[in-house]
Amino acid sequence: MPIIQRPYVPPEDQVPQEDDFVKPGDTQSNQSQNGEAAGEPITFYADSLHIFSSLYSSVLFFGEQMEEREPILRARIKVSPQMLKAMALLTNKHLKEYEEAVGPIHLPAQVYSAWELEPESEPQPQPQPEEGAQAQ
């Protein structure tokens, strides 16, 4: 069975309402809805991402793919466009370091087409200087 990767898209491309989310910074109650202590960071797995952007803000929707149904929305994070760019720079830095240490990460063509992106070109290996040749 082929794996189909698609970004999370809220139903009818609508932004979910505020009441649909657990508020991790809410200190009014001693426990959150899932029984964790209030104020503790929330850990979840996400394999789906959708981003809405406007002039003054961006919203990242993290979801989890489920077999034979729409992804489950796990978190919504609001950031400024400046923070979104800083996150992209930092993420790219970490990915570059990871790929240098472990090896390249290859994404299926479906990922690029789902997000309407051009596939990345494979980096060309750098020629090694011949032994005995002097560097200039």
Protein backbone atom coordinates (compact mmCIF):
# COMPACT_ATOMS: atom_id res chain seq x y z
CA MET A 1 0.00 0.00 0.00
CA PRO A 2 1.62 3.32 -1.03
CA ILE A 3 2.00 5.99 1.61
CA ILE A 4 0.33 9.23 0.59
CA GLN A 5 1.70 12.29 2.37
CA ARG A 6 -0.62 15.26 2.33
CA PRO A 7 -0.61 18.43 4.40
CA TYR A 8 -3.27 18.93 7.05
CA VAL A 9 -6.03 21.14 5.73
CA PRO A 10 -8.80 22.11 8.12
CA PRO A 11 -12.27 21.09 6.88
CA GLU A 12 -13.47 23.45 4.16
CA ASP A 13 -10.11 25.25 4.55
CA GLN A 14 -11.42 27.07 7.63
CA VAL A 15 -9.32 28.03 10.63
CA PRO A 16 -10.45 25.98 13.67
CA GLN A 17 -12.14 27.90 16.48
CA GLU A 18 -10.37 28.88 19.72
CA ASP A 19 -12.52 26.50 21.79
CA ASP A 20 -11.14 23.51 19.88
CA PHE A 21 -7.70 23.73 21.50
CA VAL A 22 -6.13 22.94 24.85
CA LYS A 23 -4.45 26.06 26.15
CA PRO A 24 -1.08 24.85 27.52
CA GLY A 25 -0.33 28.18 29.22
CA ASP A 26 -3.66 28.18 31.09
CA THR A 27 -2.83 28.17 34.78
CA GLN A 28 -6.46 28.49 35.91
CA SER A 29 -6.80 24.73 36.35
CA ASN A 30 -4.43 22.26 37.96
CA GLN A 31 -4.65 19.78 35.11
CA SER A 32 -5.09 20.00 31.38
CA GLN A 33 -7.71 17.99 29.50
CA ASN A 34 -5.37 15.01 29.07
CA GLY A 35 -4.50 14.80 32.79
CA GLU A 36 -1.04 16.38 32.61
CA ALA A 37 0.00 19.01 35.12
CA ALA A 38 -0.80 22.55 33.98
CA GLY A 39 2.13 24.57 32.68
CA GLU A 40 4.03 21.49 31.54
CA PRO A 41 5.08 21.38 27.88
CA ILE A 42 2.89 19.24 25.66
CA THR A 43 4.64 16.50 23.69
CA PHE A 44 2.97 15.01 20.64
CA TYR A 45 3.88 13.35 17.35
CA ALA A 46 3.12 15.20 14.11
CA ASP A 47 3.51 14.01 10.54
CA SER A 48 1.27 16.59 8.91
CA LEU A 49 1.73 20.35 8.67
CA HIS A 50 -0.29 23.21 7.23
CA ILE A 51 0.60 26.90 7.43
CA PHE A 52 -1.71 29.90 7.08
CA SER A 53 -0.03 33.29 6.71
CA SER A 54 -1.22 36.86 6.65
CA LEU A 55 0.62 40.16 6.67
CA TYR A 56 1.04 40.17 10.47
CA SER A 57 0.89 36.54 11.59
CA SER A 58 1.35 32.93 10.63
CA VAL A 59 -0.38 29.90 12.09
CA LEU A 60 1.21 26.45 12.01
CA PHE A 61 -1.19 23.51 12.26
CA PHE A 62 0.46 20.23 13.28
CA GLY A 63 -1.50 17.03 12.74
CA GLU A 64 -1.16 13.28 12.73
CA GLN A 65 -2.07 11.16 9.73
CA MET A 66 -4.61 8.46 10.49
CA GLU A 67 -5.38 5.45 8.31
CA GLU A 68 -8.50 5.86 6.22
CA ARG A 69 -9.51 9.21 7.71
CA GLU A 70 -8.50 12.84 7.83
CA PRO A 71 -5.48 13.84 9.94
CA ILE A 72 -6.08 14.67 13.59
CA LEU A 73 -5.12 18.24 14.54
CA ARG A 74 -2.62 18.05 17.43
CA ALA A 75 -1.50 21.67 17.84
CA ARG A 76 -1.87 25.17 16.50
CA ILE A 77 0.99 27.60 17.00
CA LYS A 78 0.69 31.31 16.18
CA VAL A 79 3.90 33.19 15.30
CA SER A 80 4.95 36.42 13.62
CA PRO A 81 6.29 36.25 10.06
CA GLN A 82 9.70 37.17 11.49
CA MET A 83 9.55 34.20 13.87
CA LEU A 84 8.43 31.93 11.04
CA LYS A 85 11.49 32.99 9.02
CA ALA A 86 13.77 32.51 12.05
CA MET A 87 12.29 29.02 12.52
CA ALA A 88 12.93 28.21 8.85
CA LEU A 89 16.56 29.36 9.11
CA LEU A 90 17.17 27.39 12.30
CA THR A 91 15.41 24.29 10.92
CA ASN A 92 17.50 24.46 7.72
CA LYS A 93 20.68 24.79 9.79
CA HIS A 94 19.80 21.68 11.82
CA LEU A 95 18.80 19.70 8.72
CA LYS A 96 22.08 20.58 7.00
CA GLU A 97 24.06 19.47 10.06
CA TYR A 98 22.02 16.26 10.30
CA GLU A 99 22.49 15.42 6.61
CA GLU A 100 26.23 16.11 6.84
CA ALA A 101 26.48 13.70 9.78
CA VAL A 102 23.99 10.99 8.77
CA GLY A 103 23.29 11.36 5.06
CA PRO A 104 20.71 13.01 2.84
CA ILE A 105 17.01 12.86 3.57
CA HIS A 106 15.01 12.02 0.46
CA LEU A 107 11.36 13.02 0.22
CA PRO A 108 8.90 11.39 -2.17
CA ALA A 109 7.70 13.44 -5.13
CA GLN A 110 4.20 13.41 -3.58
CA VAL A 111 5.37 15.74 -0.81
CA TYR A 112 6.62 18.34 -3.28
CA SER A 113 3.49 18.15 -5.42
CA ALA A 114 1.14 18.34 -2.39
CA TRP A 115 2.80 21.60 -1.33
CA GLU A 116 3.30 22.85 -4.89
CA LEU A 117 7.10 22.97 -4.52
CA GLU A 118 9.90 22.14 -6.92
CA PRO A 119 11.94 19.12 -5.83
CA GLU A 120 15.35 20.01 -4.45
CA SER A 121 18.24 19.26 -6.73
CA GLU A 122 20.68 16.71 -5.41
CA PRO A 123 23.94 18.34 -4.24
CA GLN A 124 26.83 17.55 -6.53
CA PRO A 125 29.83 15.92 -4.84
CA GLN A 126 32.78 18.25 -4.48
CA PRO A 127 35.84 17.10 -6.47
CA GLN A 128 38.64 15.94 -4.23
CA PRO A 129 42.09 17.44 -4.88
CA GLU A 130 44.53 14.96 -6.35
CA GLU A 131 47.34 13.80 -4.11
CA GLY A 132 50.45 15.85 -4.60
CA ALA A 133 48.50 18.75 -6.13
CA GLN A 134 48.94 22.07 -4.39
CA ALA A 135 45.91 24.06 -3.29
CA GLN A 136 45.78 27.56 -4.69
